[in-house]
Amino acid sequence: MISKLLDRGETADRLHVSVMTIRRLGAAGDLEEIRVGKRGIRITEQSVDEYLAAHRVTRNWASTRVA
């Protein structure tokens, strides 16, 4: 089943980046794009979630020491 479809502007708002960045991520295959009609492009919400999960930064601050 396909998750909710977002346009590039909505995706950019969610990721706090520009629409051009979303275009680049789509062209690179980092976000799944679906063509709607002749000119429309939509991005699946699931691919946005997967992108965020793959690029999550985790730090273990308890083990970080400042000398």
Protein backbone atom coordinates (compact mmCIF):
# COMPACT_ATOMS: atom_id res chain seq x y z
CA MET A 1 0.00 0.00 0.00
CA ILE A 2 1.28 3.47 -0.89
CA SER A 3 1.64 5.92 1.95
CA LYS A 4 0.52 9.53 1.78
CA LEU A 5 1.92 11.46 -1.18
CA LEU A 6 3.60 14.81 -0.62
CA ASP A 7 4.52 17.43 -3.19
CA ARG A 8 8.05 18.79 -3.25
CA GLY A 9 7.10 21.88 -1.26
CA GLU A 10 5.51 19.85 1.53
CA THR A 11 8.54 17.56 1.61
CA ALA A 12 10.90 20.53 1.78
CA ASP A 13 8.91 21.98 4.68
CA ARG A 14 9.08 18.70 6.59
CA LEU A 15 12.83 18.39 6.14
CA HIS A 16 13.51 22.13 6.58
CA VAL A 17 15.39 22.33 3.28
CA SER A 18 14.81 24.01 -0.08
CA VAL A 19 12.72 22.58 -2.90
CA MET A 20 15.93 22.37 -4.97
CA THR A 21 17.42 20.06 -2.34
CA ILE A 22 14.35 17.84 -2.63
CA ARG A 23 14.79 17.77 -6.42
CA ARG A 24 18.41 16.71 -5.97
CA LEU A 25 17.52 14.00 -3.44
CA GLY A 26 14.90 12.66 -5.85
CA ALA A 27 17.31 12.69 -8.79
CA ALA A 28 19.89 10.84 -6.69
CA GLY A 29 17.32 8.20 -5.75
CA ASP A 30 17.35 9.10 -2.06
CA LEU A 31 13.62 9.90 -2.12
CA GLU A 32 11.02 7.86 -3.99
CA GLU A 33 9.24 10.02 -6.56
CA ILE A 34 5.98 9.18 -8.30
CA ARG A 35 4.84 10.97 -11.43
CA VAL A 36 1.25 12.21 -11.25
CA GLY A 37 -0.03 13.34 -14.62
CA LYS A 38 2.35 14.87 -17.13
CA ARG A 39 4.21 17.28 -14.87
CA GLY A 40 3.35 16.46 -11.28
CA ILE A 41 5.83 14.76 -8.98
CA ARG A 42 4.90 13.40 -5.56
CA ILE A 43 7.10 11.89 -2.89
CA THR A 44 5.92 9.13 -0.60
CA GLU A 45 5.76 9.91 3.09
CA GLN A 46 7.34 6.51 3.72
CA SER A 47 10.43 7.43 1.67
CA VAL A 48 10.80 10.65 3.70
CA ASP A 49 10.62 8.62 6.92
CA GLU A 50 13.17 6.12 5.56
CA TYR A 51 15.51 8.93 4.51
CA LEU A 52 15.34 10.46 7.98
CA ALA A 53 15.95 7.10 9.65
CA ALA A 54 18.96 6.40 7.42
CA HIS A 55 20.49 9.81 8.16
CA ARG A 56 19.77 9.98 11.87
CA VAL A 57 22.69 11.13 13.97
CA THR A 58 23.03 9.51 17.36
CA ARG A 59 25.58 10.48 19.92
CA ASN A 60 26.40 8.96 23.22
CA TRP A 61 27.03 12.12 25.19
CA ALA A 62 27.70 10.24 28.42
CA SER A 63 30.85 8.68 26.97
CA THR A 64 32.12 11.93 25.45
CA ARG A 65 34.73 13.58 27.60
CA VAL A 66 36.14 17.05 27.36
CA ALA A 67 39.82 17.08 28.25
